[in-house]
Protein backbone atom coordinates (compact mmCIF):
# COMPACT_ATOMS: atom_id res chain seq x y z
CA MET A 1 0.13 0.16 0.11
CA SER A 2 1.28 3.65 -0.97
CA GLU A 3 3.12 5.45 1.61
CA ILE A 4 1.74 8.89 0.55
CA PHE A 5 -1.23 8.59 2.63
CA LYS A 6 0.68 7.55 6.22
CA GLN A 7 2.11 10.60 7.21
CA ALA A 8 0.04 13.29 5.70
CA ALA A 9 -3.54 11.56 6.13
CA PRO A 10 -3.28 8.78 8.24
CA GLN A 11 -7.20 8.83 8.45
CA LEU A 12 -7.20 8.11 4.66
CA ASP A 13 -5.70 4.79 3.18
CA ALA A 14 -5.59 3.91 -0.64
CA ASN A 15 -8.96 1.94 -0.24
CA ASP A 16 -10.68 5.36 0.92
CA PHE A 17 -8.99 7.22 -1.58
CA LEU A 18 -10.12 4.77 -4.70
CA ARG A 19 -13.66 4.83 -3.09
CA ASP A 20 -14.30 8.46 -2.68
CA TYR A 21 -11.62 10.45 -4.68
CA TRP A 22 -10.33 8.56 -7.78
CA GLN A 23 -12.16 9.88 -10.96
CA GLN A 24 -14.53 11.83 -8.72
CA LYS A 25 -13.30 14.91 -7.00
CA PRO A 26 -9.80 16.67 -6.10
CA LEU A 27 -7.96 16.03 -3.19
CA LEU A 28 -4.90 18.16 -1.62
CA ILE A 29 -2.43 15.69 0.34
CA ARG A 30 -0.09 18.19 2.36
CA ASN A 31 3.35 16.86 2.88
CA ALA A 32 2.45 13.49 1.29
CA LEU A 33 6.36 13.37 0.56
CA GLU A 34 7.88 14.18 3.82
CA ASN A 35 11.48 16.10 3.38
CA PHE A 36 11.11 16.07 -0.39
CA LYS A 37 13.82 17.21 -2.50
CA SER A 38 13.20 17.79 -6.40
CA PRO A 39 15.53 15.22 -8.04
CA LEU A 40 16.23 17.72 -10.89
CA SER A 41 17.18 21.59 -10.93
CA PRO A 42 15.86 24.07 -13.42
CA ASP A 43 18.91 24.03 -15.35
CA GLU A 44 18.85 20.05 -15.41
CA LEU A 45 15.42 20.25 -17.12
CA ALA A 46 16.21 22.95 -19.38
CA GLY A 47 19.15 20.73 -20.54
CA LEU A 48 16.78 18.04 -21.43
CA SER A 49 14.72 20.24 -23.48
CA LEU A 50 17.90 21.01 -25.73
CA GLU A 51 17.65 17.38 -26.79
CA GLU A 52 15.79 16.55 -29.93
CA GLU A 53 14.13 13.08 -28.74
CA ILE A 54 12.58 14.82 -25.85
CA GLU A 55 9.15 16.13 -26.06
CA SER A 56 9.26 19.76 -24.66
CA ARG A 57 7.28 23.01 -24.89
CA LEU A 58 7.55 26.60 -23.63
CA VAL A 59 4.28 28.76 -22.61
CA ILE A 60 4.70 32.38 -22.28
CA ALA A 61 1.63 33.87 -20.20
CA GLU A 62 2.11 37.48 -21.00
CA SER A 63 3.41 37.80 -24.85
CA LYS A 64 2.34 40.21 -27.36
CA PRO A 65 0.03 40.76 -29.46
CA GLN A 66 -1.50 37.55 -28.11
CA PRO A 67 -1.45 36.18 -24.52
CA TRP A 68 -0.47 32.72 -23.94
CA LYS A 69 2.54 32.11 -26.55
CA LEU A 70 3.44 28.24 -27.31
CA GLN A 71 6.81 27.35 -28.34
CA GLN A 72 7.70 23.68 -29.45
CA GLY A 73 10.88 22.22 -28.59
CA PRO A 74 13.86 21.34 -28.97
CA PHE A 75 15.09 24.56 -27.85
CA THR A 76 18.71 25.83 -27.96
CA GLN A 77 20.59 27.89 -24.90
CA SER A 78 19.78 31.36 -26.64
CA THR A 79 15.99 30.34 -26.14
CA PHE A 80 16.36 30.80 -22.27
CA THR A 81 18.66 34.04 -22.47
CA SER A 82 15.72 35.79 -24.41
CA LEU A 83 12.60 34.79 -22.46
CA PRO A 84 11.17 37.35 -20.10
CA LYS A 85 11.97 37.76 -16.61
CA LYS A 86 8.48 36.72 -15.33
CA GLY A 87 5.07 34.82 -16.69
CA TRP A 88 6.84 31.81 -18.62
CA THR A 89 6.78 27.93 -18.23
CA LEU A 90 8.88 25.20 -19.69
CA LEU A 91 7.33 21.67 -19.73
CA VAL A 92 9.05 18.49 -20.38
CA GLN A 93 7.18 15.13 -21.19
CA ALA A 94 8.22 11.67 -20.25
CA VAL A 95 10.88 12.60 -17.94
CA ASP A 96 10.67 9.26 -16.22
CA LEU A 97 12.39 7.72 -19.25
CA TRP A 98 15.43 9.53 -18.77
CA VAL A 99 15.96 10.38 -15.02
CA PRO A 100 15.70 7.19 -13.08
CA GLU A 101 15.22 9.30 -9.78
CA VAL A 102 11.86 10.98 -11.43
CA ARG A 103 10.82 7.13 -12.38
CA ASP A 104 11.20 6.49 -8.93
CA LEU A 105 8.40 8.69 -7.94
CA LEU A 106 5.92 6.09 -9.69
CA GLY A 107 6.50 3.91 -6.75
CA HIS A 108 4.36 6.11 -4.61
CA PHE A 109 1.55 5.38 -6.70
CA ASP A 110 1.46 1.39 -6.26
CA PHE A 111 -2.05 1.18 -5.54
CA LEU A 112 -2.89 1.68 -9.31
CA PRO A 113 -2.07 -0.56 -12.14
CA ARG A 114 1.25 0.81 -13.29
CA TRP A 115 -0.02 0.15 -17.00
CA ARG A 116 -2.36 3.02 -16.58
CA VAL A 117 0.21 5.32 -16.09
CA ASP A 118 1.13 7.57 -18.92
CA ASP A 119 3.94 9.58 -18.07
CA VAL A 120 5.72 11.88 -15.75
CA MET A 121 5.77 15.31 -17.17
CA VAL A 122 8.03 18.14 -15.21
CA SER A 123 7.13 21.82 -15.38
CA TYR A 124 9.60 24.60 -14.20
CA ALA A 125 8.01 27.95 -14.12
CA VAL A 126 9.19 31.52 -12.96
CA GLU A 127 7.09 33.67 -11.10
CA GLY A 128 3.62 34.24 -12.91
CA GLY A 129 4.29 31.22 -15.03
CA SER A 130 1.20 29.16 -15.96
CA VAL A 131 -0.47 27.34 -18.75
CA GLY A 132 -3.66 28.87 -18.29
CA PRO A 133 -7.31 27.88 -16.71
CA HIS A 134 -7.71 24.48 -18.52
CA PHE A 135 -9.07 20.93 -17.94
CA ASP A 136 -7.47 17.68 -18.86
CA TYR A 137 -9.38 14.22 -19.77
CA TYR A 138 -7.22 12.29 -17.79
CA ASP A 139 -6.23 11.58 -13.88
CA VAL A 140 -3.16 13.33 -12.71
CA PHE A 141 -1.12 13.74 -9.37
CA LEU A 142 0.70 17.07 -9.24
CA ILE A 143 3.61 16.56 -6.67
CA GLN A 144 5.43 20.23 -5.81
CA GLY A 145 8.94 19.45 -6.20
CA GLN A 146 10.37 22.90 -5.49
CA GLY A 147 9.18 26.56 -4.83
CA GLN A 148 5.31 27.15 -4.55
CA ARG A 149 2.50 27.03 -6.78
CA ARG A 150 -0.83 28.45 -6.20
CA TRP A 151 -3.72 26.11 -7.52
CA GLN A 152 -7.23 27.30 -8.30
CA ILE A 153 -9.96 24.55 -8.80
CA GLY A 154 -13.01 25.11 -10.99
CA GLY A 155 -16.12 23.00 -11.98
CA LEU A 156 -16.67 20.19 -14.26
CA CYS A 157 -16.11 20.67 -17.96
CA ASN A 158 -16.47 19.04 -21.37
CA GLU A 159 -16.02 19.17 -25.00
CA ARG A 160 -18.55 22.01 -25.01
CA SER A 161 -16.80 24.20 -22.52
CA PRO A 162 -16.00 27.30 -24.54
CA LEU A 163 -12.12 28.15 -25.03
CA LEU A 164 -10.09 31.12 -25.80
CA GLU A 165 -9.80 31.87 -29.65
CA GLY A 166 -6.68 32.66 -31.50
CA VAL A 167 -4.14 30.81 -29.08
CA ASP A 168 -2.50 27.48 -29.43
CA LEU A 169 -3.41 26.24 -26.13
CA LYS A 170 -6.77 25.03 -25.02
CA ILE A 171 -7.53 27.57 -22.41
CA LEU A 172 -10.83 28.18 -20.98
CA ARG A 173 -12.57 31.31 -21.64
CA HIS A 174 -14.59 31.46 -18.35
CA PHE A 175 -12.92 29.98 -14.99
CA GLU A 176 -14.58 30.58 -11.69
CA SER A 177 -12.10 29.10 -8.95
CA ARG A 178 -14.23 27.35 -6.30
CA GLN A 179 -11.03 26.24 -4.06
CA GLU A 180 -7.77 27.62 -3.82
CA TRP A 181 -4.29 26.16 -2.43
CA VAL A 182 -0.80 26.98 -2.20
CA THR A 183 1.27 23.99 -2.69
CA ASN A 184 4.87 23.34 -0.93
CA PRO A 185 7.44 20.73 -1.65
CA GLY A 186 6.10 17.40 -0.73
CA ASP A 187 2.48 18.30 -1.50
CA ILE A 188 0.47 16.24 -3.91
CA LEU A 189 -2.84 17.65 -5.45
CA TYR A 190 -4.93 14.79 -6.99
CA LEU A 191 -7.30 15.91 -10.11
CA PRO A 192 -9.85 13.74 -11.63
CA PRO A 193 -10.51 14.25 -15.32
CA ARG A 194 -12.43 17.07 -16.43
CA ILE A 195 -11.76 19.32 -13.53
CA ALA A 196 -10.84 23.11 -14.48
CA HIS A 197 -7.64 24.02 -12.59
CA TYR A 198 -5.14 26.93 -12.88
CA GLY A 199 -1.98 26.84 -11.53
CA VAL A 200 0.36 29.78 -11.23
CA ALA A 201 3.97 29.96 -9.83
CA GLN A 202 4.57 31.98 -6.93
CA ASP A 203 8.51 32.24 -7.23
CA ASP A 204 11.09 31.99 -9.66
CA GLN A 205 12.08 28.19 -8.36
CA CYS A 206 8.74 26.32 -9.12
CA ILE A 207 9.03 22.79 -10.33
CA THR A 208 6.08 20.49 -10.41
CA TYR A 209 5.93 16.85 -11.37
CA SER A 210 2.94 15.78 -13.04
CA VAL A 211 1.95 11.94 -13.22
CA GLY A 212 -0.42 11.35 -15.60
CA PHE A 213 -2.72 8.42 -16.22
CA ARG A 214 -3.65 7.00 -20.09
CA SER A 215 -7.02 7.86 -21.14
CA PRO A 216 -7.54 6.96 -24.81
CA THR A 217 -10.74 8.46 -26.70
CA ALA A 218 -13.13 5.51 -27.96
CA GLY A 219 -12.25 6.38 -31.32
CA GLU A 220 -8.38 5.68 -30.76
CA MET A 221 -9.10 2.32 -29.11
CA LEU A 222 -11.71 1.29 -32.07
CA ALA A 223 -9.12 2.23 -34.80
CA ASP A 224 -6.25 0.13 -33.22
CA LEU A 225 -9.12 -2.57 -32.38
CA ALA A 226 -10.03 -2.35 -35.72
CA THR A 227 -6.63 -3.32 -37.23
CA GLU A 228 -6.77 -6.32 -34.54
CA LEU A 229 -10.04 -7.54 -35.79
CA MET A 230 -9.08 -7.32 -39.64
CA SER A 231 -6.00 -9.60 -38.97
CA HIS A 232 -8.50 -12.53 -37.81
CA ALA A 233 -9.08 -15.18 -40.40
CA ARG A 234 -12.82 -15.42 -39.47
CA GLN A 235 -14.59 -12.40 -40.03
CA GLN A 236 -18.55 -11.86 -40.40
CA HIS A 237 -19.62 -9.99 -43.27
CA TYR A 238 -22.36 -7.55 -43.81
CA VAL A 239 -25.75 -8.97 -44.98
CA ASP A 240 -29.06 -7.26 -45.62
CA PRO A 241 -32.01 -7.11 -43.42
CA PRO A 242 -35.38 -8.39 -45.20
CA LEU A 243 -35.68 -6.15 -48.17
CA THR A 244 -38.74 -5.05 -49.98
CA PRO A 245 -38.58 -3.22 -53.51
CA GLN A 246 -39.86 0.09 -51.96
CA MET A 247 -36.46 -0.04 -49.99
CA ALA A 248 -34.54 0.54 -53.14
CA ASP A 249 -35.36 4.25 -53.55
CA ALA A 250 -36.58 5.11 -49.87
CA ALA A 251 -34.76 7.04 -47.34
CA LEU A 252 -32.17 4.91 -45.27
CA SER A 253 -34.26 2.68 -43.35
CA ASP A 254 -33.52 2.08 -39.58
CA ASP A 255 -33.53 -1.68 -40.75
CA PHE A 256 -30.08 -1.15 -42.25
CA ILE A 257 -29.04 0.47 -38.98
CA ARG A 258 -30.12 -2.13 -36.92
CA GLN A 259 -28.26 -4.52 -39.11
CA VAL A 260 -24.85 -2.84 -38.96
CA LYS A 261 -25.10 -2.21 -35.19
CA ARG A 262 -25.75 -6.06 -34.88
CA LEU A 263 -22.91 -6.96 -37.05
CA LEU A 264 -20.54 -4.78 -35.05
CA LYS A 265 -21.73 -5.80 -31.67
CA ASN A 266 -21.15 -9.58 -32.56
CA ALA A 267 -17.66 -8.76 -33.82
CA LEU A 268 -16.89 -7.16 -30.20
CA ASP A 269 -18.50 -9.97 -28.06
CA ASP A 270 -15.63 -11.92 -28.35
CA GLU A 271 -14.32 -11.38 -25.03
CA ALA A 272 -10.81 -13.54 -25.35
CA VAL A 273 -9.79 -11.11 -28.37
CA LEU A 274 -10.90 -8.23 -26.47
CA ARG A 275 -8.80 -9.11 -23.42
CA ASP A 276 -5.67 -9.91 -25.71
CA TRP A 277 -6.26 -6.78 -27.78
CA PHE A 278 -6.63 -4.43 -24.52
CA ALA A 279 -3.44 -6.11 -22.78
CA ARG A 280 -1.61 -5.26 -26.02
CA TYR A 281 -2.83 -1.80 -26.19
CA MET A 282 -2.05 -0.62 -22.64
CA THR A 283 1.32 -1.95 -22.61
CA ALA A 284 2.68 -0.60 -25.90
CA PRO A 285 5.37 1.98 -25.25
CA LYS A 286 4.55 5.28 -25.53
CA TYR A 287 7.99 6.22 -27.75
CA PRO A 288 8.57 3.18 -29.59
CA GLU A 289 11.47 4.59 -31.38
CA LEU A 290 13.10 5.42 -28.15
CA HIS A 291 12.40 1.88 -26.73
CA ALA A 292 15.09 -0.84 -26.17
CA PRO A 293 13.61 -4.39 -26.14
CA VAL A 294 13.92 -6.86 -23.49
CA GLU A 295 15.79 -9.89 -24.56
CA LEU A 296 15.11 -12.49 -22.24
CA ALA A 297 13.55 -16.06 -22.52
CA ALA A 298 9.69 -16.22 -21.74
CA ASP A 299 10.13 -18.09 -18.43
CA GLU A 300 12.80 -15.84 -17.56
CA LEU A 301 10.56 -12.88 -18.21
CA LYS A 302 7.41 -14.19 -16.62
CA ALA A 303 9.28 -14.99 -13.44
CA LYS A 304 10.35 -11.44 -13.08
CA ILE A 305 7.20 -10.05 -13.66
CA GLU A 306 5.61 -12.03 -11.17
CA ASP A 307 8.28 -11.00 -8.53
CA GLY A 308 8.44 -7.47 -9.70
CA SER A 309 12.05 -7.40 -10.64
CA ILE A 310 11.11 -6.53 -14.24
CA SER A 311 11.16 -2.90 -12.95
CA ALA A 312 14.96 -3.19 -12.53
CA LEU A 313 15.52 -5.00 -15.60
CA SER A 314 13.30 -2.69 -17.79
CA PRO A 315 12.39 0.31 -15.71
CA ASN A 316 10.54 2.10 -18.98
CA SER A 317 8.62 -1.03 -20.00
CA ARG A 318 4.75 -1.61 -19.34
CA TYR A 319 3.62 -4.95 -18.16
CA LEU A 320 0.56 -6.85 -16.78
CA LYS A 321 -0.79 -10.06 -16.20
CA SER A 322 -3.97 -11.20 -17.67
CA GLY A 323 -5.76 -14.58 -16.78
CA CYS A 324 -3.81 -17.45 -14.99
CA ASP A 325 -0.82 -17.68 -17.19
CA ASP A 326 -0.73 -14.61 -19.71
CA PHE A 327 2.02 -12.03 -19.70
CA TYR A 328 2.09 -8.89 -21.49
CA LEU A 329 5.42 -6.71 -22.16
CA ASP A 330 5.59 -3.60 -24.07
CA GLY A 331 2.77 -4.45 -26.39
CA GLU A 332 3.68 -8.29 -26.94
CA LYS A 333 2.28 -11.23 -25.41
CA LEU A 334 4.64 -13.70 -23.96
């Protein structure tokens, strides 16, 4: 069970959190990581953003003629010398792939399936730095690593929530704060999907570690599943409902739609196929081009997955066990 509740919230354990907060409402856990020291300095994070293979971006809150200017990395050293004194944020994705000490932070969230984790994004901001009021479609734990950040929490949003026009960021046009906290090093703020939030750095040393969880859309999943279904030799084909001559020239009948729904439902009704596909899909590497495959015999890999030592062998891998003896590693079934 996770350590983050023991010191900071002894009245709350992981079971309580999953029952009462997970994907439901925000929670601030004060001093969740006692005496926490940021694994990265601002200069080290900026150094990562110079690398071509690392995804990074800069958000400048007060630029002209439009506020909220977005710049995509990789950057150069001259990029940082030309930035304003206040109001900018550097964000670097998947730092857990590159820095073991950042990857170790995931151990604090062992009450959640490891394969649900997307990555650990790290942000550094000077005073006034922010990415604006916005919402995400995924769960996130925001670990304050250094400095202070003021968080304002709003209401529930969706795809119809109006956004600012003319900017490259999805910033809410209207934001009303309902809760407000200032986080210190070691504090963790949990936010469920679609909750509006607005974080602003309170000083020039603000570093935040964002542990995000995967939340693919139904369209993304269906596109991948369609490829999987097409590889199966036995496939059902479309057949018409009972026809009449009048249906040849009439508007599209509901009978055709019901027939299509029946065909698609039948295609999705094979639980074994769905289980195999979902395990492959959720363990696929986020950056396949950067991933080094694990080369071990299947029995050795299974043993390491069962006893947990696979993390030391391949710390960037996603893996899970499905059923009694099916193991999946990096999108492949052993």
